[in-house]
């Protein structure tokens, strides 16, 4: 159980495994895992990134790890039940401090009225994209025909930058 509640009854899962001696293991596993989560979502499967509050030893026994491999995260895969239980509603309330920033805080440059519909849709999709602890460390500059993405604060990441 984490900030958003519990995962129950998922018929399958994907384990994200990395080589612990790789200098960028967190990034490699994170980008690859995010691609898998997004593809599963596009296929209509219920899924979410679980980087804590799971039992790595139990997962490792199911997937069989090689030397220097470690389970870094998992994602349940399955069909989402319709409607929320009372417990899920209560747990979702606790997670409210992790809401995403509005586009007005993330985008500078062209005003909303000046942005074409394709750009607005792309910015909204990027706004909804997952980030570690929902920090959304990116910022966008919208200009005629282009969007530039930049890191808002290099200190606001899980991995220290040099």
Protein backbone atom coordinates (compact mmCIF):
# COMPACT_ATOMS: atom_id res chain seq x y z
CA UNK A 1 0.00 0.00 0.00
CA UNK A 2 1.32 3.41 -0.94
CA UNK A 3 -0.11 6.91 -1.21
CA UNK A 4 -2.71 5.89 -3.77
CA UNK A 5 -4.12 2.72 -2.24
CA UNK A 6 -3.77 -0.95 -2.94
CA UNK A 7 -3.51 -3.14 -6.00
CA UNK A 8 -5.70 -6.21 -5.64
CA UNK A 9 -6.38 -9.19 -7.86
CA UNK A 10 -4.10 -8.32 -10.77
CA UNK A 11 -3.70 -11.51 -12.86
CA UNK A 12 -0.21 -10.58 -14.10
CA UNK A 13 2.66 -8.21 -13.50
CA UNK A 14 5.83 -6.99 -15.14
CA UNK A 15 9.00 -6.82 -13.09
CA UNK A 16 11.56 -4.15 -13.92
CA UNK A 17 14.98 -5.65 -13.32
CA UNK A 18 18.33 -3.90 -13.62
CA UNK A 19 22.01 -4.67 -13.33
CA UNK A 20 23.04 -3.03 -10.08
CA UNK A 21 26.60 -2.34 -11.28
CA UNK A 22 25.38 -0.29 -14.28
CA UNK A 23 26.10 3.40 -13.63
CA UNK A 24 22.68 4.51 -14.94
CA UNK A 25 20.53 1.53 -13.97
CA UNK A 26 17.73 3.68 -12.53
CA UNK A 27 17.40 5.71 -15.73
CA UNK A 28 17.60 2.68 -18.05
CA UNK A 29 15.01 0.72 -16.12
CA UNK A 30 12.86 3.81 -15.64
CA UNK A 31 12.67 4.72 -19.32
CA UNK A 32 12.15 1.14 -20.44
CA UNK A 33 9.57 0.50 -17.74
CA UNK A 34 7.70 3.69 -18.55
CA UNK A 35 7.46 2.59 -22.18
CA UNK A 36 5.96 -0.71 -21.05
CA UNK A 37 3.47 1.02 -18.74
CA UNK A 38 2.41 3.41 -21.52
CA UNK A 39 2.02 0.57 -24.04
CA UNK A 40 -0.04 -1.48 -21.58
CA UNK A 41 -2.25 1.54 -20.97
CA UNK A 42 -2.65 2.08 -24.73
CA UNK A 43 -3.80 -1.56 -24.97
CA UNK A 44 -6.50 -0.86 -22.40
CA UNK A 45 -4.85 -2.62 -19.48
CA UNK A 46 -4.92 -1.23 -15.97
CA UNK A 47 -1.39 -0.62 -14.71
CA UNK A 48 0.67 1.65 -12.49
CA UNK A 49 4.33 2.05 -11.57
CA UNK A 50 5.12 0.53 -8.18
CA UNK A 51 8.62 1.43 -7.03
CA UNK A 52 8.03 0.83 -3.33
CA UNK A 53 5.63 -1.07 -1.13
CA UNK A 54 6.13 -4.39 -2.87
CA UNK A 55 8.17 -7.39 -1.77
CA UNK A 56 11.31 -7.52 -3.97
CA UNK A 57 12.27 -10.95 -2.59
CA UNK A 58 8.90 -12.44 -3.53
CA UNK A 59 9.12 -10.94 -7.03
CA UNK A 60 12.72 -12.12 -7.44
CA UNK A 61 11.70 -15.69 -6.59
CA UNK A 62 9.06 -15.58 -9.34
CA UNK A 63 11.21 -14.10 -12.10
CA UNK A 64 14.59 -15.67 -11.31
CA UNK A 65 17.36 -13.11 -11.13
CA UNK A 66 20.85 -13.44 -12.52
CA UNK A 67 24.01 -12.31 -10.80
CA UNK A 68 24.07 -8.55 -10.09
CA UNK A 69 20.37 -8.20 -11.00
CA UNK A 70 17.83 -6.53 -8.75
CA UNK A 71 14.08 -5.92 -8.97
CA UNK A 72 13.67 -2.14 -8.97
CA UNK A 73 9.94 -1.82 -9.61
CA UNK A 74 6.87 -3.73 -10.74
CA UNK A 75 3.63 -2.97 -12.48
CA UNK A 76 0.42 -4.94 -12.11
CA UNK A 77 -1.36 -5.75 -15.38
CA UNK A 78 -5.04 -6.50 -15.77
CA UNK A 79 -8.52 -5.12 -16.26
CA UNK A 80 -9.61 -2.41 -13.87
CA UNK A 81 -12.84 -2.98 -11.97
CA UNK A 82 -15.50 -0.34 -12.45
CA UNK A 83 -16.22 1.93 -9.51
CA UNK A 84 -14.22 2.55 -6.38
CA UNK A 85 -14.66 0.92 -3.02
CA UNK A 86 -14.95 3.14 0.05
CA UNK A 87 -11.38 2.19 0.98
CA UNK A 88 -10.10 3.30 -2.45
CA UNK A 89 -11.95 6.62 -2.18
CA UNK A 90 -10.39 7.28 1.23
CA UNK A 91 -6.89 6.35 0.03
CA UNK A 92 -7.24 8.55 -3.07
CA UNK A 93 -8.03 11.46 -0.75
CA UNK A 94 -4.69 10.97 1.02
CA UNK A 95 -2.88 11.24 -2.32
CA UNK A 96 -4.30 14.66 -3.17
CA UNK A 97 -1.05 16.42 -2.33
CA UNK A 98 0.41 14.76 -5.44
CA UNK A 99 -1.80 16.55 -7.96
CA UNK A 100 -0.25 17.63 -11.22
CA UNK A 101 0.61 21.25 -11.95
CA UNK A 102 -1.72 23.13 -14.29
CA UNK A 103 -0.35 23.94 -17.75
CA UNK A 104 -0.17 27.64 -16.83
CA UNK A 105 2.64 26.76 -14.38
CA UNK A 106 4.49 24.53 -16.84
CA UNK A 107 4.31 26.49 -20.13
CA UNK A 108 5.68 29.87 -21.14
CA UNK A 109 5.86 31.49 -24.54
CA UNK A 110 2.71 31.37 -26.63
CA UNK A 111 -0.51 32.01 -24.76
CA UNK A 112 -3.10 29.23 -24.77
CA UNK A 113 -5.23 31.05 -27.36
CA UNK A 114 -2.21 31.26 -29.71
CA UNK A 115 -1.28 27.58 -29.50
CA UNK A 116 -2.60 25.24 -32.22
CA UNK A 117 -4.79 22.32 -31.08
CA UNK A 118 -2.02 19.75 -31.77
CA UNK A 119 0.34 21.67 -29.48
CA UNK A 120 -2.24 22.03 -26.72
CA UNK A 121 -2.97 18.27 -26.90
CA UNK A 122 0.76 17.45 -26.76
CA UNK A 123 1.33 19.76 -23.80
CA UNK A 124 -1.63 18.27 -21.94
CA UNK A 125 -0.34 14.73 -22.57
CA UNK A 126 3.10 15.75 -21.29
CA UNK A 127 1.50 17.38 -18.24
CA UNK A 128 -0.19 14.08 -17.42
CA UNK A 129 2.98 12.03 -17.97
CA UNK A 130 4.30 10.29 -14.86
CA UNK A 131 7.33 11.58 -13.02
CA UNK A 132 8.99 10.43 -9.83
CA UNK A 133 6.70 11.31 -6.93
CA UNK A 134 4.70 13.41 -9.43
CA UNK A 135 7.20 16.29 -9.14
CA UNK A 136 6.93 17.25 -12.82
CA UNK A 137 10.45 18.72 -13.01
CA UNK A 138 10.01 19.80 -16.66
CA UNK A 139 9.00 23.12 -18.15
CA UNK A 140 7.91 23.93 -21.70
CA UNK A 141 8.45 26.90 -23.96
CA UNK A 142 5.83 27.10 -26.71
CA UNK A 143 6.73 28.95 -29.89
CA UNK A 144 5.35 28.99 -33.42
CA UNK A 145 5.53 25.36 -34.62
CA UNK A 146 7.69 24.04 -31.77
CA UNK A 147 7.79 23.14 -28.10
CA UNK A 148 11.05 23.12 -26.15
CA UNK A 149 11.31 20.97 -23.03
CA UNK A 150 13.77 21.82 -20.26
CA UNK A 151 14.47 20.53 -16.78
CA UNK A 152 13.07 22.98 -14.25
CA UNK A 153 15.54 22.15 -11.50
CA UNK A 154 18.34 19.62 -11.88
CA UNK A 155 18.37 19.20 -8.09
CA UNK A 156 14.73 18.05 -8.21
CA UNK A 157 15.45 14.55 -9.50
CA UNK A 158 15.94 11.15 -7.92
CA UNK A 159 19.50 10.83 -9.27
CA UNK A 160 22.09 13.44 -8.41
CA UNK A 161 23.49 15.23 -11.48
CA UNK A 162 27.09 16.34 -11.76
